[in-house]
Amino acid sequence: MTRSLPVALGLAALLLGLGLAPAPLAAGELETEIADPQPDFDTPRRILLQISTDDPRKINDTLHNAVNMQKFYGMDSVEVAIVVFGPGMTALYKETSPVRERVESLLKYNVQFIGCGNTLEATKHSPEELIDGVDYVQAGVAEIVERQLSGWTYVHP
């Protein structure tokens, strides 16, 4: 048995050197266990995020969360939707968005942005003022409720 230990260590070192084995985790780092069913093209994770503030730092935090979900699960194994309402709607208006370029970029990577029609109406904005590619529904909060009931995982950063 003691002879096989050096062989096993040598093989492990070779595989690591070739990039064929995962690197060891850092001290204190845990590996996320993926629940069944495993996410894939046919059964992607469905993540629902919310923006309801006009604070650019918090808006950017939410956009980072969307990117991180795509990086973790892979582009073909996750659907990400961001529901935006209240003061957060400033992020979706062409003329005033502090994150317009990021929204436009994320739209190209299939992140769905859904604005709130009630907020549009209450603030006297029109759907034409939304960044191209942004969708809207009558009630943003109702959209969150209905998506949760249909299996989406709701994360409020």
C-alpha atoms as a PDB file:
ATOM      1  CA  MET A   1       0.000   0.000   0.000  1.00  0.00           C
ATOM      2  CA  THR A   2       2.799   2.463   0.781  1.00  0.00           C
ATOM      3  CA  ARG A   3       4.196   2.065  -2.761  1.00  0.00           C
ATOM      4  CA  SER A   4       0.889   3.129  -4.311  1.00  0.00           C
ATOM      5  CA  LEU A   5       0.790   6.426  -2.384  1.00  0.00           C
ATOM      6  CA  PRO A   6       3.731   7.959  -4.310  1.00  0.00           C
ATOM      7  CA  VAL A   7       2.205   6.718  -7.569  1.00  0.00           C
ATOM      8  CA  ALA A   8      -1.173   8.251  -6.687  1.00  0.00           C
ATOM      9  CA  LEU A   9       0.461  11.545  -5.695  1.00  0.00           C
ATOM     10  CA  GLY A  10       2.471  11.553  -8.915  1.00  0.00           C
ATOM     11  CA  LEU A  11      -0.639  10.903 -10.991  1.00  0.00           C
ATOM     12  CA  ALA A  12      -2.529  13.656  -9.171  1.00  0.00           C
ATOM     13  CA  ALA A  13       0.327  16.086  -9.817  1.00  0.00           C
ATOM     14  CA  LEU A  14       0.397  15.115 -13.497  1.00  0.00           C
ATOM     15  CA  LEU A  15      -3.355  15.626 -13.877  1.00  0.00           C
ATOM     16  CA  LEU A  16      -3.165  18.989 -12.127  1.00  0.00           C
ATOM     17  CA  GLY A  17      -0.275  20.020 -14.351  1.00  0.00           C
ATOM     18  CA  LEU A  18      -2.265  19.119 -17.453  1.00  0.00           C
ATOM     19  CA  GLY A  19      -5.286  21.006 -16.169  1.00  0.00           C
ATOM     20  CA  LEU A  20      -7.353  17.821 -16.062  1.00  0.00           C
ATOM     21  CA  ALA A  21      -8.122  17.813 -12.350  1.00  0.00           C
ATOM     22  CA  PRO A  22      -9.749  20.521 -10.296  1.00  0.00           C
ATOM     23  CA  ALA A  23      -7.467  22.685  -8.213  1.00  0.00           C
ATOM     24  CA  PRO A  24      -7.818  22.211  -4.472  1.00  0.00           C
ATOM     25  CA  LEU A  25     -10.175  24.575  -2.697  1.00  0.00           C
ATOM     26  CA  ALA A  26      -8.719  27.415  -0.651  1.00  0.00           C
ATOM     27  CA  ALA A  27      -8.915  27.125   3.127  1.00  0.00           C
ATOM     28  CA  GLY A  28     -12.496  27.815   4.188  1.00  0.00           C
ATOM     29  CA  GLU A  29     -13.847  27.627   0.629  1.00  0.00           C
ATOM     30  CA  LEU A  30     -16.870  25.388   0.177  1.00  0.00           C
ATOM     31  CA  GLU A  31     -18.137  23.902  -3.044  1.00  0.00           C
ATOM     32  CA  THR A  32     -21.804  24.562  -3.816  1.00  0.00           C
ATOM     33  CA  GLU A  33     -23.715  21.309  -4.148  1.00  0.00           C
ATOM     34  CA  ILE A  34     -25.963  21.414  -7.190  1.00  0.00           C
ATOM     35  CA  ALA A  35     -29.462  20.109  -6.434  1.00  0.00           C
ATOM     36  CA  ASP A  36     -31.377  17.771  -8.726  1.00  0.00           C
ATOM     37  CA  PRO A  37     -32.495  18.128 -11.362  1.00  0.00           C
ATOM     38  CA  GLN A  38     -29.110  19.322 -12.557  1.00  0.00           C
ATOM     39  CA  PRO A  39     -29.463  22.547 -14.551  1.00  0.00           C
ATOM     40  CA  ASP A  40     -29.011  22.171 -18.294  1.00  0.00           C
ATOM     41  CA  PHE A  41     -30.478  23.458 -21.543  1.00  0.00           C
ATOM     42  CA  ASP A  42     -33.791  21.639 -21.021  1.00  0.00           C
ATOM     43  CA  THR A  43     -34.107  22.338 -17.281  1.00  0.00           C
ATOM     44  CA  PRO A  44     -32.361  25.646 -16.605  1.00  0.00           C
ATOM     45  CA  ARG A  45     -32.328  27.375 -13.246  1.00  0.00           C
ATOM     46  CA  ARG A  46     -34.758  30.280 -13.402  1.00  0.00           C
ATOM     47  CA  ILE A  47     -33.538  33.235 -11.349  1.00  0.00           C
ATOM     48  CA  LEU A  48     -35.675  36.311 -10.706  1.00  0.00           C
ATOM     49  CA  LEU A  49     -33.982  39.483  -9.469  1.00  0.00           C
ATOM     50  CA  GLN A  50     -35.501  42.822  -8.466  1.00  0.00           C
ATOM     51  CA  ILE A  51     -34.498  46.473  -8.817  1.00  0.00           C
ATOM     52  CA  SER A  52     -36.666  48.934  -6.890  1.00  0.00           C
ATOM     53  CA  THR A  53     -34.162  51.670  -6.064  1.00  0.00           C
ATOM     54  CA  ASP A  54     -32.520  54.420  -8.060  1.00  0.00           C
ATOM     55  CA  ASP A  55     -29.230  54.009  -6.161  1.00  0.00           C
ATOM     56  CA  PRO A  56     -26.651  53.261  -8.909  1.00  0.00           C
ATOM     57  CA  ARG A  57     -24.526  51.145  -6.522  1.00  0.00           C
ATOM     58  CA  LYS A  58     -27.467  48.890  -5.651  1.00  0.00           C
ATOM     59  CA  ILE A  59     -28.556  48.696  -9.283  1.00  0.00           C
ATOM     60  CA  ASN A  60     -25.037  47.641 -10.278  1.00  0.00           C
ATOM     61  CA  ASP A  61     -24.988  45.061  -7.473  1.00  0.00           C
ATOM     62  CA  THR A  62     -28.108  43.464  -8.975  1.00  0.00           C
ATOM     63  CA  LEU A  63     -26.610  43.505 -12.481  1.00  0.00           C
ATOM     64  CA  HIS A  64     -23.487  41.816 -11.081  1.00  0.00           C
ATOM     65  CA  ASN A  65     -25.733  39.151  -9.537  1.00  0.00           C
ATOM     66  CA  ALA A  66     -27.202  38.428 -12.981  1.00  0.00           C
ATOM     67  CA  VAL A  67     -23.735  38.023 -14.500  1.00  0.00           C
ATOM     68  CA  ASN A  68     -22.598  35.850 -11.597  1.00  0.00           C
ATOM     69  CA  MET A  69     -25.558  33.502 -12.079  1.00  0.00           C
ATOM     70  CA  GLN A  70     -24.686  33.087 -15.750  1.00  0.00           C
ATOM     71  CA  LYS A  71     -21.026  32.465 -14.900  1.00  0.00           C
ATOM     72  CA  PHE A  72     -21.882  29.907 -12.212  1.00  0.00           C
ATOM     73  CA  TYR A  73     -24.499  27.875 -14.085  1.00  0.00           C
ATOM     74  CA  GLY A  74     -23.384  28.558 -17.659  1.00  0.00           C
ATOM     75  CA  MET A  75     -25.262  30.553 -20.266  1.00  0.00           C
ATOM     76  CA  ASP A  76     -27.328  27.577 -21.455  1.00  0.00           C
ATOM     77  CA  SER A  77     -28.276  26.398 -17.973  1.00  0.00           C
ATOM     78  CA  VAL A  78     -29.858  29.503 -16.456  1.00  0.00           C
ATOM     79  CA  GLU A  79     -32.563  32.023 -17.292  1.00  0.00           C
ATOM     80  CA  VAL A  80     -32.268  35.382 -15.564  1.00  0.00           C
ATOM     81  CA  ALA A  81     -35.056  37.975 -15.408  1.00  0.00           C
ATOM     82  CA  ILE A  82     -34.868  41.307 -13.595  1.00  0.00           C
ATOM     83  CA  VAL A  83     -38.166  42.917 -12.588  1.00  0.00           C
ATOM     84  CA  VAL A  84     -37.887  46.668 -12.128  1.00  0.00           C
ATOM     85  CA  PHE A  85     -40.415  48.959 -10.455  1.00  0.00           C
ATOM     86  CA  GLY A  86     -40.746  52.151  -8.435  1.00  0.00           C
ATOM     87  CA  PRO A  87     -37.649  54.387  -8.384  1.00  0.00           C
ATOM     88  CA  GLY A  88     -35.660  51.548  -9.981  1.00  0.00           C
ATOM     89  CA  MET A  89     -37.331  52.308 -13.306  1.00  0.00           C
ATOM     90  CA  THR A  90     -34.768  55.096 -13.856  1.00  0.00           C
ATOM     91  CA  ALA A  91     -32.367  52.267 -14.777  1.00  0.00           C
ATOM     92  CA  LEU A  92     -34.543  51.411 -17.784  1.00  0.00           C
ATOM     93  CA  TYR A  93     -35.216  54.854 -19.302  1.00  0.00           C
ATOM     94  CA  LYS A  94     -33.067  55.598 -22.359  1.00  0.00           C
ATOM     95  CA  GLU A  95     -32.405  59.190 -21.375  1.00  0.00           C
ATOM     96  CA  THR A  96     -31.735  58.851 -17.634  1.00  0.00           C
ATOM     97  CA  SER A  97     -30.346  55.381 -17.018  1.00  0.00           C
ATOM     98  CA  PRO A  98     -27.064  55.444 -15.103  1.00  0.00           C
ATOM     99  CA  VAL A  99     -26.474  51.874 -16.355  1.00  0.00           C
ATOM    100  CA  ARG A 100     -27.806  51.998 -19.905  1.00  0.00           C
ATOM    101  CA  GLU A 101     -24.739  50.387 -21.500  1.00  0.00           C
ATOM    102  CA  ARG A 102     -24.797  47.541 -18.979  1.00  0.00           C
ATOM    103  CA  VAL A 103     -28.519  46.930 -19.526  1.00  0.00           C
ATOM    104  CA  GLU A 104     -28.014  46.883 -23.298  1.00  0.00           C
ATOM    105  CA  SER A 105     -25.091  44.475 -22.909  1.00  0.00           C
ATOM    106  CA  LEU A 106     -26.999  42.128 -20.590  1.00  0.00           C
ATOM    107  CA  LEU A 107     -29.945  42.094 -22.999  1.00  0.00           C
ATOM    108  CA  LYS A 108     -27.533  40.703 -25.621  1.00  0.00           C
ATOM    109  CA  TYR A 109     -26.699  37.913 -23.147  1.00  0.00           C
ATOM    110  CA  ASN A 110     -30.379  37.005 -22.752  1.00  0.00           C
ATOM    111  CA  VAL A 111     -30.990  38.686 -19.401  1.00  0.00           C
ATOM    112  CA  GLN A 112     -34.624  39.766 -19.526  1.00  0.00           C
ATOM    113  CA  PHE A 113     -35.555  43.176 -18.102  1.00  0.00           C
ATOM    114  CA  ILE A 114     -39.201  43.689 -17.176  1.00  0.00           C
ATOM    115  CA  GLY A 115     -40.419  47.157 -16.244  1.00  0.00           C
ATOM    116  CA  CYS A 116     -43.554  48.051 -14.326  1.00  0.00           C
ATOM    117  CA  GLY A 117     -46.457  49.579 -16.230  1.00  0.00           C
ATOM    118  CA  ASN A 118     -47.927  51.031 -13.036  1.00  0.00           C
ATOM    119  CA  THR A 119     -44.693  52.948 -12.435  1.00  0.00           C
ATOM    120  CA  LEU A 120     -44.637  54.102 -16.067  1.00  0.00           C
ATOM    121  CA  GLU A 121     -48.149  55.470 -15.660  1.00  0.00           C
ATOM    122  CA  ALA A 122     -47.613  57.010 -12.209  1.00  0.00           C
ATOM    123  CA  THR A 123     -44.455  58.819 -13.345  1.00  0.00           C
ATOM    124  CA  LYS A 124     -45.969  59.870 -16.685  1.00  0.00           C
ATOM    125  CA  HIS A 125     -43.450  57.919 -18.756  1.00  0.00           C
ATOM    126  CA  SER A 126     -44.266  55.898 -21.863  1.00  0.00           C
ATOM    127  CA  PRO A 127     -43.058  52.480 -23.026  1.00  0.00           C
ATOM    128  CA  GLU A 128     -41.226  54.238 -25.890  1.00  0.00           C
ATOM    129  CA  GLU A 129     -38.873  55.752 -23.298  1.00  0.00           C
ATOM    130  CA  LEU A 130     -37.608  52.312 -22.264  1.00  0.00           C
ATOM    131  CA  ILE A 131     -34.247  51.049 -23.495  1.00  0.00           C
ATOM    132  CA  ASP A 132     -34.781  48.994 -26.652  1.00  0.00           C
ATOM    133  CA  GLY A 133     -35.363  45.347 -25.774  1.00  0.00           C
ATOM    134  CA  VAL A 134     -36.828  46.020 -22.320  1.00  0.00           C
ATOM    135  CA  ASP A 135     -40.272  44.489 -21.764  1.00  0.00           C
ATOM    136  CA  TYR A 136     -42.953  45.740 -19.396  1.00  0.00           C
ATOM    137  CA  VAL A 137     -45.977  44.328 -17.599  1.00  0.00           C
ATOM    138  CA  GLN A 138     -48.899  46.033 -15.880  1.00  0.00           C
ATOM    139  CA  ALA A 139     -47.650  45.353 -12.335  1.00  0.00           C
ATOM    140  CA  GLY A 140     -44.035  44.536 -11.509  1.00  0.00           C
ATOM    141  CA  VAL A 141     -44.787  43.096  -8.069  1.00  0.00           C
ATOM    142  CA  ALA A 142     -47.506  40.854  -9.504  1.00  0.00           C
ATOM    143  CA  GLU A 143     -44.952  39.626 -12.066  1.00  0.00           C
ATOM    144  CA  ILE A 144     -42.648  38.612  -9.206  1.00  0.00           C
ATOM    145  CA  VAL A 145     -45.482  36.759  -7.444  1.00  0.00           C
ATOM    146  CA  GLU A 146     -46.591  34.899 -10.565  1.00  0.00           C
ATOM    147  CA  ARG A 147     -43.084  33.903 -11.589  1.00  0.00           C
ATOM    148  CA  GLN A 148     -42.388  32.589  -8.095  1.00  0.00           C
ATOM    149  CA  LEU A 149     -45.571  30.514  -8.253  1.00  0.00           C
ATOM    150  CA  SER A 150     -44.444  29.114 -11.608  1.00  0.00           C
ATOM    151  CA  GLY A 151     -41.090  27.951 -10.255  1.00  0.00           C
ATOM    152  CA  TRP A 152     -38.724  30.900 -10.538  1.00  0.00           C
ATOM    153  CA  THR A 153     -36.290  31.440  -7.662  1.00  0.00           C
ATOM    154  CA  TYR A 154     -36.634  34.975  -6.326  1.00  0.00           C
ATOM    155  CA  VAL A 155     -33.523  36.727  -5.082  1.00  0.00           C
ATOM    156  CA  HIS A 156     -33.787  40.264  -3.757  1.00  0.00           C
ATOM    157  CA  PRO A 157     -30.222  41.604  -3.556  1.00  0.00           C
END
